[in-house]
Amino acid sequence: MISTDQPTCFPENILVAVSSREDGSVLDRTRDNRHDPEMVENRRRFCAAAGLEYDQCVYQIISYDDGNTFDTIGKVTRPDSEGVHADVLYTETPGVGMFLPIADCVGTVVYDSVRHALALAHIGRHASVAKTLTKTIEFFKQKGSVAEDITIWMAPSVAKHDYILTWFDHLTDKDWEGFVSEEQDGIHLDLKGFNKALAVKAGVPEANIYVSNVNTATDPHYFSHSQGDTNGRFAVVAQLR
């Protein structure tokens, strides 16, 4: 872990940490077994360094299957090392960690300091289009949260300059104005900026939203899918204490 890249916006009764390349890959997408022993051992070491046990975590499985709507919120109450398919994990249970493998997409932690509720979201292009962060905040509200009590942290992720697509269906959508641009080398998306704007629109004070300035595409300490790391993943972990 890189100490200067860890969030400082949460109280002591919340554990949130992000691993780096030096901690080893926590998932190899070229291997048939997502729980390959080498990857699991890397997960255990990272969690121990962060201050929790991997066996007390729910492993978050992200699916890109055609049928996925990329806005599934799964409420978890007990550890599950085999994994839960969900774009967002949500818990109100102290001691249950949530473990997300990631590379370039925005690992996003949502915390209600009054209700002591916590969520970990995988926010990539698909989830951004689905406005999954908006739906996550609405889910908190349905549980009794007030938007002003919510704190959000966005982990190291790819910057707009380096997130380039050959096509994007929402290039002219009003919602994406200011967060997408068609340039000489392709279509650039500002995932962090777009989702921060969604959170503000949902009522979360801008002062409560913290966005890491680490660009995974240019920082050699992080795996980056856009830069050719198609197999390696770093991790974001979150736990109520």
C-alpha atoms as a PDB file:
ATOM      1  CA  MET A   1       0.000   0.000   0.000  1.00  0.00           C
ATOM      2  CA  ILE A   2       1.102   3.552  -0.664  1.00  0.00           C
ATOM      3  CA  SER A   3       0.432   5.579   2.472  1.00  0.00           C
ATOM      4  CA  THR A   4      -0.125   8.874   0.665  1.00  0.00           C
ATOM      5  CA  ASP A   5      -2.814   7.300  -1.551  1.00  0.00           C
ATOM      6  CA  GLN A   6      -4.997   6.098   1.331  1.00  0.00           C
ATOM      7  CA  PRO A   7      -8.189   8.051   2.155  1.00  0.00           C
ATOM      8  CA  THR A   8      -8.181  10.362   5.159  1.00  0.00           C
ATOM      9  CA  CYS A   9     -11.830  11.450   4.998  1.00  0.00           C
ATOM     10  CA  PHE A  10     -13.331   8.648   7.103  1.00  0.00           C
ATOM     11  CA  PRO A  11     -13.529   8.363  10.912  1.00  0.00           C
ATOM     12  CA  GLU A  12     -11.504   5.771  12.816  1.00  0.00           C
ATOM     13  CA  ASN A  13     -14.430   3.336  12.964  1.00  0.00           C
ATOM     14  CA  ILE A  14     -14.266   2.918   9.181  1.00  0.00           C
ATOM     15  CA  LEU A  15     -11.466   1.039   7.456  1.00  0.00           C
ATOM     16  CA  VAL A  16     -10.884   1.852   3.802  1.00  0.00           C
ATOM     17  CA  ALA A  17      -7.683   0.950   1.990  1.00  0.00           C
ATOM     18  CA  VAL A  18      -6.335   0.608  -1.541  1.00  0.00           C
ATOM     19  CA  SER A  19      -3.551  -1.757  -2.576  1.00  0.00           C
ATOM     20  CA  SER A  20      -0.857  -1.121  -5.182  1.00  0.00           C
ATOM     21  CA  ARG A  21       1.106  -3.175  -7.680  1.00  0.00           C
ATOM     22  CA  GLU A  22       3.728  -3.839  -5.010  1.00  0.00           C
ATOM     23  CA  ASP A  23       1.116  -5.785  -3.007  1.00  0.00           C
ATOM     24  CA  GLY A  24       0.714  -8.163  -5.935  1.00  0.00           C
ATOM     25  CA  SER A  25      -2.245  -8.739  -8.218  1.00  0.00           C
ATOM     26  CA  VAL A  26      -5.433  -9.763  -6.398  1.00  0.00           C
ATOM     27  CA  LEU A  27      -7.040 -11.208  -9.530  1.00  0.00           C
ATOM     28  CA  ASP A  28      -5.682 -12.688 -12.744  1.00  0.00           C
ATOM     29  CA  ARG A  29      -8.408 -12.583 -15.359  1.00  0.00           C
ATOM     30  CA  THR A  30      -6.431 -14.938 -17.629  1.00  0.00           C
ATOM     31  CA  ARG A  31      -6.793 -17.766 -15.096  1.00  0.00           C
ATOM     32  CA  ASP A  32      -9.933 -19.884 -14.977  1.00  0.00           C
ATOM     33  CA  ASN A  33     -10.045 -19.818 -11.177  1.00  0.00           C
ATOM     34  CA  ARG A  34     -10.793 -16.353  -9.775  1.00  0.00           C
ATOM     35  CA  HIS A  35      -9.676 -17.721  -6.412  1.00  0.00           C
ATOM     36  CA  ASP A  36      -6.299 -18.919  -7.645  1.00  0.00           C
ATOM     37  CA  PRO A  37      -4.147 -19.645  -4.550  1.00  0.00           C
ATOM     38  CA  GLU A  38      -1.510 -17.096  -5.529  1.00  0.00           C
ATOM     39  CA  MET A  39      -4.133 -14.375  -5.876  1.00  0.00           C
ATOM     40  CA  VAL A  40      -5.786 -15.341  -2.583  1.00  0.00           C
ATOM     41  CA  GLU A  41      -2.451 -15.181  -0.798  1.00  0.00           C
ATOM     42  CA  ASN A  42      -1.912 -11.662  -2.185  1.00  0.00           C
ATOM     43  CA  ARG A  43      -5.372 -10.699  -0.936  1.00  0.00           C
ATOM     44  CA  ARG A  44      -4.605 -12.052   2.514  1.00  0.00           C
ATOM     45  CA  ARG A  45      -1.322 -10.148   2.764  1.00  0.00           C
ATOM     46  CA  PHE A  46      -2.896  -6.890   1.642  1.00  0.00           C
ATOM     47  CA  CYS A  47      -5.822  -7.228   4.044  1.00  0.00           C
ATOM     48  CA  ALA A  48      -3.481  -8.034   6.930  1.00  0.00           C
ATOM     49  CA  ALA A  49      -1.415  -4.947   6.130  1.00  0.00           C
ATOM     50  CA  ALA A  50      -4.611  -2.874   6.005  1.00  0.00           C
ATOM     51  CA  GLY A  51      -5.784  -4.186   9.387  1.00  0.00           C
ATOM     52  CA  LEU A  52      -8.455  -6.789   8.670  1.00  0.00           C
ATOM     53  CA  GLU A  53      -8.732 -10.467   7.799  1.00  0.00           C
ATOM     54  CA  TYR A  54      -9.515 -11.501   4.244  1.00  0.00           C
ATOM     55  CA  ASP A  55     -11.670 -14.328   5.600  1.00  0.00           C
ATOM     56  CA  GLN A  56     -13.976 -11.658   7.080  1.00  0.00           C
ATOM     57  CA  CYS A  57     -14.562 -10.102   3.638  1.00  0.00           C
ATOM     58  CA  VAL A  58     -17.131 -10.432   0.896  1.00  0.00           C
ATOM     59  CA  TYR A  59     -15.343 -10.815  -2.431  1.00  0.00           C
ATOM     60  CA  GLN A  60     -17.068  -8.654  -5.046  1.00  0.00           C
ATOM     61  CA  ILE A  61     -17.551 -10.285  -8.451  1.00  0.00           C
ATOM     62  CA  ILE A  62     -17.970  -7.916 -11.390  1.00  0.00           C
ATOM     63  CA  SER A  63     -19.681  -9.392 -14.428  1.00  0.00           C
ATOM     64  CA  TYR A  64     -19.621  -8.036 -17.968  1.00  0.00           C
ATOM     65  CA  ASP A  65     -22.151 -10.556 -19.243  1.00  0.00           C
ATOM     66  CA  ASP A  66     -24.633  -9.283 -21.828  1.00  0.00           C
ATOM     67  CA  GLY A  67     -27.516  -9.549 -19.365  1.00  0.00           C
ATOM     68  CA  ASN A  68     -25.899  -7.410 -16.674  1.00  0.00           C
ATOM     69  CA  THR A  69     -27.476  -4.010 -16.071  1.00  0.00           C
ATOM     70  CA  PHE A  70     -24.416  -2.797 -14.101  1.00  0.00           C
ATOM     71  CA  ASP A  71     -26.530  -1.351 -11.287  1.00  0.00           C
ATOM     72  CA  THR A  72     -27.021  -4.354  -9.003  1.00  0.00           C
ATOM     73  CA  ILE A  73     -26.797  -3.502  -5.296  1.00  0.00           C
ATOM     74  CA  GLY A  74     -26.177  -6.446  -3.001  1.00  0.00           C
ATOM     75  CA  LYS A  75     -26.736  -6.121   0.749  1.00  0.00           C
ATOM     76  CA  VAL A  76     -24.239  -8.252   2.668  1.00  0.00           C
ATOM     77  CA  THR A  77     -24.346  -9.290   6.322  1.00  0.00           C
ATOM     78  CA  ARG A  78     -21.687 -12.006   6.534  1.00  0.00           C
ATOM     79  CA  PRO A  79     -18.325 -12.820   4.930  1.00  0.00           C
ATOM     80  CA  ASP A  80     -18.313 -14.645   1.599  1.00  0.00           C
ATOM     81  CA  SER A  81     -14.891 -15.438   0.181  1.00  0.00           C
ATOM     82  CA  GLU A  82     -16.454 -17.273  -2.783  1.00  0.00           C
ATOM     83  CA  GLY A  83     -17.950 -13.972  -3.838  1.00  0.00           C
ATOM     84  CA  VAL A  84     -21.132 -12.067  -4.545  1.00  0.00           C
ATOM     85  CA  HIS A  85     -22.097 -10.858  -8.013  1.00  0.00           C
ATOM     86  CA  ALA A  86     -22.915  -7.176  -7.545  1.00  0.00           C
ATOM     87  CA  ASP A  87     -21.896  -3.802  -8.919  1.00  0.00           C
ATOM     88  CA  VAL A  88     -22.329  -2.362  -5.428  1.00  0.00           C
ATOM     89  CA  LEU A  89     -21.960  -4.062  -2.053  1.00  0.00           C
ATOM     90  CA  TYR A  90     -23.801  -2.502   0.902  1.00  0.00           C
ATOM     91  CA  THR A  91     -23.598  -3.346   4.593  1.00  0.00           C
ATOM     92  CA  GLU A  92     -24.708  -2.152   8.002  1.00  0.00           C
ATOM     93  CA  THR A  93     -22.885  -5.010   9.746  1.00  0.00           C
ATOM     94  CA  PRO A  94     -19.670  -4.151  11.612  1.00  0.00           C
ATOM     95  CA  GLY A  95     -16.787  -6.515  10.945  1.00  0.00           C
ATOM     96  CA  VAL A  96     -17.842  -7.506   7.443  1.00  0.00           C
ATOM     97  CA  GLY A  97     -15.287  -6.315   4.903  1.00  0.00           C
ATOM     98  CA  MET A  98     -15.991  -5.727   1.229  1.00  0.00           C
ATOM     99  CA  PHE A  99     -13.222  -6.548  -1.243  1.00  0.00           C
ATOM    100  CA  LEU A 100     -13.189  -5.179  -4.807  1.00  0.00           C
ATOM    101  CA  PRO A 101     -10.571  -6.054  -7.459  1.00  0.00           C
ATOM    102  CA  ILE A 102     -10.153  -3.177  -9.895  1.00  0.00           C
ATOM    103  CA  ALA A 103      -8.007  -1.583 -12.613  1.00  0.00           C
ATOM    104  CA  ASP A 104      -8.825   1.886 -14.056  1.00  0.00           C
ATOM    105  CA  CYS A 105     -12.511   1.884 -13.041  1.00  0.00           C
ATOM    106  CA  VAL A 106     -13.496   4.036 -10.069  1.00  0.00           C
ATOM    107  CA  GLY A 107     -13.657   2.090  -6.823  1.00  0.00           C
ATOM    108  CA  THR A 108     -16.113   4.225  -4.859  1.00  0.00           C
ATOM    109  CA  VAL A 109     -16.810   4.099  -1.125  1.00  0.00           C
ATOM    110  CA  VAL A 110     -20.070   5.582   0.189  1.00  0.00           C
ATOM    111  CA  TYR A 111     -20.523   6.068   3.951  1.00  0.00           C
ATOM    112  CA  ASP A 112     -23.357   7.433   6.087  1.00  0.00           C
ATOM    113  CA  SER A 113     -21.819   8.642   9.353  1.00  0.00           C
ATOM    114  CA  VAL A 114     -25.196   8.860  11.125  1.00  0.00           C
ATOM    115  CA  ARG A 115     -26.616   5.459  10.206  1.00  0.00           C
ATOM    116  CA  HIS A 116     -23.143   3.828  10.080  1.00  0.00           C
ATOM    117  CA  ALA A 117     -23.889   2.276   6.701  1.00  0.00           C
ATOM    118  CA  LEU A 118     -21.241   1.552   4.078  1.00  0.00           C
ATOM    119  CA  ALA A 119     -21.121   0.677   0.385  1.00  0.00           C
ATOM    120  CA  LEU A 120     -18.383  -0.209  -2.086  1.00  0.00           C
ATOM    121  CA  ALA A 121     -19.184   0.415  -5.751  1.00  0.00           C
ATOM    122  CA  HIS A 122     -17.469  -0.574  -8.985  1.00  0.00           C
ATOM    123  CA  ILE A 123     -17.968   2.448 -11.227  1.00  0.00           C
ATOM    124  CA  GLY A 124     -16.756   1.986 -14.768  1.00  0.00           C
ATOM    125  CA  ARG A 125     -18.187   3.143 -18.073  1.00  0.00           C
ATOM    126  CA  HIS A 126     -21.153   0.770 -17.931  1.00  0.00           C
ATOM    127  CA  ALA A 127     -22.074   1.688 -14.350  1.00  0.00           C
ATOM    128  CA  SER A 128     -21.647   5.376 -15.155  1.00  0.00           C
ATOM    129  CA  VAL A 129     -24.095   5.117 -18.048  1.00  0.00           C
ATOM    130  CA  ALA A 130     -26.474   3.241 -15.722  1.00  0.00           C
ATOM    131  CA  LYS A 131     -26.028   6.043 -13.119  1.00  0.00           C
ATOM    132  CA  THR A 132     -25.255   3.422 -10.518  1.00  0.00           C
ATOM    133  CA  LEU A 133     -23.853   5.955  -8.063  1.00  0.00           C
ATOM    134  CA  THR A 134     -27.143   7.880  -8.177  1.00  0.00           C
ATOM    135  CA  LYS A 135     -29.023   4.638  -7.527  1.00  0.00           C
ATOM    136  CA  THR A 136     -26.665   3.807  -4.662  1.00  0.00           C
ATOM    137  CA  ILE A 137     -27.341   7.155  -2.979  1.00  0.00           C
ATOM    138  CA  GLU A 138     -31.075   6.643  -3.501  1.00  0.00           C
ATOM    139  CA  PHE A 139     -30.715   3.190  -1.921  1.00  0.00           C
ATOM    140  CA  PHE A 140     -29.145   4.838   1.139  1.00  0.00           C
ATOM    141  CA  LYS A 141     -32.021   7.309   1.273  1.00  0.00           C
ATOM    142  CA  GLN A 142     -34.559   4.470   1.136  1.00  0.00           C
ATOM    143  CA  LYS A 143     -32.816   2.976   4.147  1.00  0.00           C
ATOM    144  CA  GLY A 144     -33.216   6.249   6.029  1.00  0.00           C
ATOM    145  CA  SER A 145     -30.073   8.161   5.115  1.00  0.00           C
ATOM    146  CA  VAL A 146     -29.922  11.897   4.503  1.00  0.00           C
ATOM    147  CA  ALA A 147     -27.686  12.912   1.604  1.00  0.00           C
ATOM    148  CA  GLU A 148     -25.936  15.567   3.695  1.00  0.00           C
ATOM    149  CA  ASP A 149     -24.659  12.825   6.038  1.00  0.00           C
ATOM    150  CA  ILE A 150     -22.977  10.879   3.234  1.00  0.00           C
ATOM    151  CA  THR A 151     -19.246  10.906   2.537  1.00  0.00           C
ATOM    152  CA  ILE A 152     -17.857   9.575  -0.747  1.00  0.00           C
ATOM    153  CA  TRP A 153     -14.298   8.619  -1.657  1.00  0.00           C
ATOM    154  CA  MET A 154     -13.164   7.682  -5.160  1.00  0.00           C
ATOM    155  CA  ALA A 155     -10.019   5.551  -5.353  1.00  0.00           C
ATOM    156  CA  PRO A 156      -7.155   5.842  -7.864  1.00  0.00           C
ATOM    157  CA  SER A 157      -8.567   5.439 -11.364  1.00  0.00           C
ATOM    158  CA  VAL A 158      -7.963   6.403 -14.976  1.00  0.00           C
ATOM    159  CA  ALA A 159      -8.036  10.101 -15.895  1.00  0.00           C
ATOM    160  CA  LYS A 160      -9.992  11.498 -18.831  1.00  0.00           C
ATOM    161  CA  HIS A 161      -6.834  12.194 -20.827  1.00  0.00           C
ATOM    162  CA  ASP A 162      -6.002   8.486 -20.846  1.00  0.00           C
ATOM    163  CA  TYR A 163      -9.458   6.906 -21.017  1.00  0.00           C
ATOM    164  CA  ILE A 164     -10.060   6.688 -24.747  1.00  0.00           C
ATOM    165  CA  LEU A 165     -12.861   4.892 -26.595  1.00  0.00           C
ATOM    166  CA  THR A 166     -13.484   4.347 -30.283  1.00  0.00           C
ATOM    167  CA  TRP A 167     -17.233   4.775 -29.766  1.00  0.00           C
ATOM    168  CA  PHE A 168     -19.668   5.943 -27.115  1.00  0.00           C
ATOM    169  CA  ASP A 169     -23.454   5.904 -27.495  1.00  0.00           C
ATOM    170  CA  HIS A 170     -23.954   8.928 -25.230  1.00  0.00           C
ATOM    171  CA  LEU A 171     -21.584  11.339 -26.915  1.00  0.00           C
ATOM    172  CA  THR A 172     -24.308  13.957 -27.404  1.00  0.00           C
ATOM    173  CA  ASP A 173     -26.350  13.273 -24.267  1.00  0.00           C
ATOM    174  CA  LYS A 174     -26.933  16.360 -22.122  1.00  0.00           C
ATOM    175  CA  ASP A 175     -26.022  14.436 -18.976  1.00  0.00           C
ATOM    176  CA  TRP A 176     -22.516  13.858 -20.308  1.00  0.00           C
ATOM    177  CA  GLU A 177     -21.909  17.440 -21.409  1.00  0.00           C
ATOM    178  CA  GLY A 178     -18.530  18.529 -20.068  1.00  0.00           C
ATOM    179  CA  PHE A 179     -17.490  14.961 -19.252  1.00  0.00           C
ATOM    180  CA  VAL A 180     -17.021  13.543 -22.756  1.00  0.00           C
ATOM    181  CA  SER A 181     -15.110  14.927 -25.711  1.00  0.00           C
ATOM    182  CA  GLU A 182     -14.358  13.689 -29.202  1.00  0.00           C
ATOM    183  CA  GLU A 183     -10.709  14.317 -29.944  1.00  0.00           C
ATOM    184  CA  GLN A 184      -8.237  13.356 -32.646  1.00  0.00           C
ATOM    185  CA  ASP A 185      -7.244  10.104 -30.930  1.00  0.00           C
ATOM    186  CA  GLY A 186     -10.768   9.053 -29.937  1.00  0.00           C
ATOM    187  CA  ILE A 187     -13.535   9.713 -27.430  1.00  0.00           C
ATOM    188  CA  HIS A 188     -12.412  10.671 -23.930  1.00  0.00           C
ATOM    189  CA  LEU A 189     -14.540  10.077 -20.805  1.00  0.00           C
ATOM    190  CA  ASP A 190     -14.181  11.753 -17.414  1.00  0.00           C
ATOM    191  CA  LEU A 191     -15.589   9.014 -15.197  1.00  0.00           C
ATOM    192  CA  LYS A 192     -14.581  10.656 -11.913  1.00  0.00           C
ATOM    193  CA  GLY A 193     -15.996  14.037 -12.879  1.00  0.00           C
ATOM    194  CA  PHE A 194     -19.246  12.594 -14.206  1.00  0.00           C
ATOM    195  CA  ASN A 195     -19.898  10.545 -11.078  1.00  0.00           C
ATOM    196  CA  LYS A 196     -18.966  13.360  -8.731  1.00  0.00           C
ATOM    197  CA  ALA A 197     -21.560  15.483 -10.538  1.00  0.00           C
ATOM    198  CA  LEU A 198     -24.140  12.707 -10.115  1.00  0.00           C
ATOM    199  CA  ALA A 199     -23.472  12.608  -6.384  1.00  0.00           C
ATOM    200  CA  VAL A 200     -23.827  16.373  -6.034  1.00  0.00           C
ATOM    201  CA  LYS A 201     -27.063  16.274  -8.017  1.00  0.00           C
ATOM    202  CA  ALA A 202     -28.327  13.572  -5.634  1.00  0.00           C
ATOM    203  CA  GLY A 203     -27.775  15.945  -2.714  1.00  0.00           C
ATOM    204  CA  VAL A 204     -24.348  14.960  -1.387  1.00  0.00           C
ATOM    205  CA  PRO A 205     -22.441  18.158  -0.496  1.00  0.00           C
ATOM    206  CA  GLU A 206     -19.448  18.691  -2.755  1.00  0.00           C
ATOM    207  CA  ALA A 207     -17.319  19.145   0.365  1.00  0.00           C
ATOM    208  CA  ASN A 208     -18.176  15.544   1.326  1.00  0.00           C
ATOM    209  CA  ILE A 209     -16.795  14.087  -1.927  1.00  0.00           C
ATOM    210  CA  TYR A 210     -13.115  13.184  -2.089  1.00  0.00           C
ATOM    211  CA  VAL A 211     -11.553  12.134  -5.385  1.00  0.00           C
ATOM    212  CA  SER A 212      -8.081  10.603  -5.586  1.00  0.00           C
ATOM    213  CA  ASN A 213      -5.850  12.471  -8.009  1.00  0.00           C
ATOM    214  CA  VAL A 214      -3.877   9.299  -8.810  1.00  0.00           C
ATOM    215  CA  ASN A 215      -4.143   8.396 -12.497  1.00  0.00           C
ATOM    216  CA  THR A 216      -3.803   4.624 -12.841  1.00  0.00           C
ATOM    217  CA  ALA A 217      -2.887   4.972 -16.521  1.00  0.00           C
ATOM    218  CA  THR A 218       0.300   6.902 -15.752  1.00  0.00           C
ATOM    219  CA  ASP A 219       1.190   5.876 -12.206  1.00  0.00           C
ATOM    220  CA  PRO A 220       3.398   2.751 -12.382  1.00  0.00           C
ATOM    221  CA  HIS A 221       2.280   1.635  -8.918  1.00  0.00           C
ATOM    222  CA  TYR A 222      -1.178   0.607 -10.168  1.00  0.00           C
ATOM    223  CA  PHE A 223      -2.490  -1.931 -12.632  1.00  0.00           C
ATOM    224  CA  SER A 224      -4.164  -0.268 -15.604  1.00  0.00           C
ATOM    225  CA  HIS A 225      -6.341  -2.110 -18.087  1.00  0.00           C
ATOM    226  CA  SER A 226      -6.103   0.785 -20.537  1.00  0.00           C
ATOM    227  CA  GLN A 227      -2.318   0.497 -20.511  1.00  0.00           C
ATOM    228  CA  GLY A 228      -2.211  -3.223 -21.178  1.00  0.00           C
ATOM    229  CA  ASP A 229      -2.681  -4.796 -17.749  1.00  0.00           C
ATOM    230  CA  THR A 230      -5.495  -7.025 -18.936  1.00  0.00           C
ATOM    231  CA  ASN A 231      -4.909  -9.606 -16.203  1.00  0.00           C
ATOM    232  CA  GLY A 232      -3.669  -7.791 -13.057  1.00  0.00           C
ATOM    233  CA  ARG A 233      -5.888  -6.028 -10.545  1.00  0.00           C
ATOM    234  CA  PHE A 234      -5.318  -3.976  -7.404  1.00  0.00           C
ATOM    235  CA  ALA A 235      -7.939  -3.835  -4.653  1.00  0.00           C
ATOM    236  CA  VAL A 236     -10.141  -1.518  -2.646  1.00  0.00           C
ATOM    237  CA  VAL A 237     -11.382  -2.817   0.693  1.00  0.00           C
ATOM    238  CA  ALA A 238     -13.905  -1.246   3.093  1.00  0.00           C
ATOM    239  CA  GLN A 239     -15.169  -2.334   6.502  1.00  0.00           C
ATOM    240  CA  LEU A 240     -17.347  -0.982   9.290  1.00  0.00           C
ATOM    241  CA  ARG A 241     -15.713  -1.255  12.723  1.00  0.00           C
END
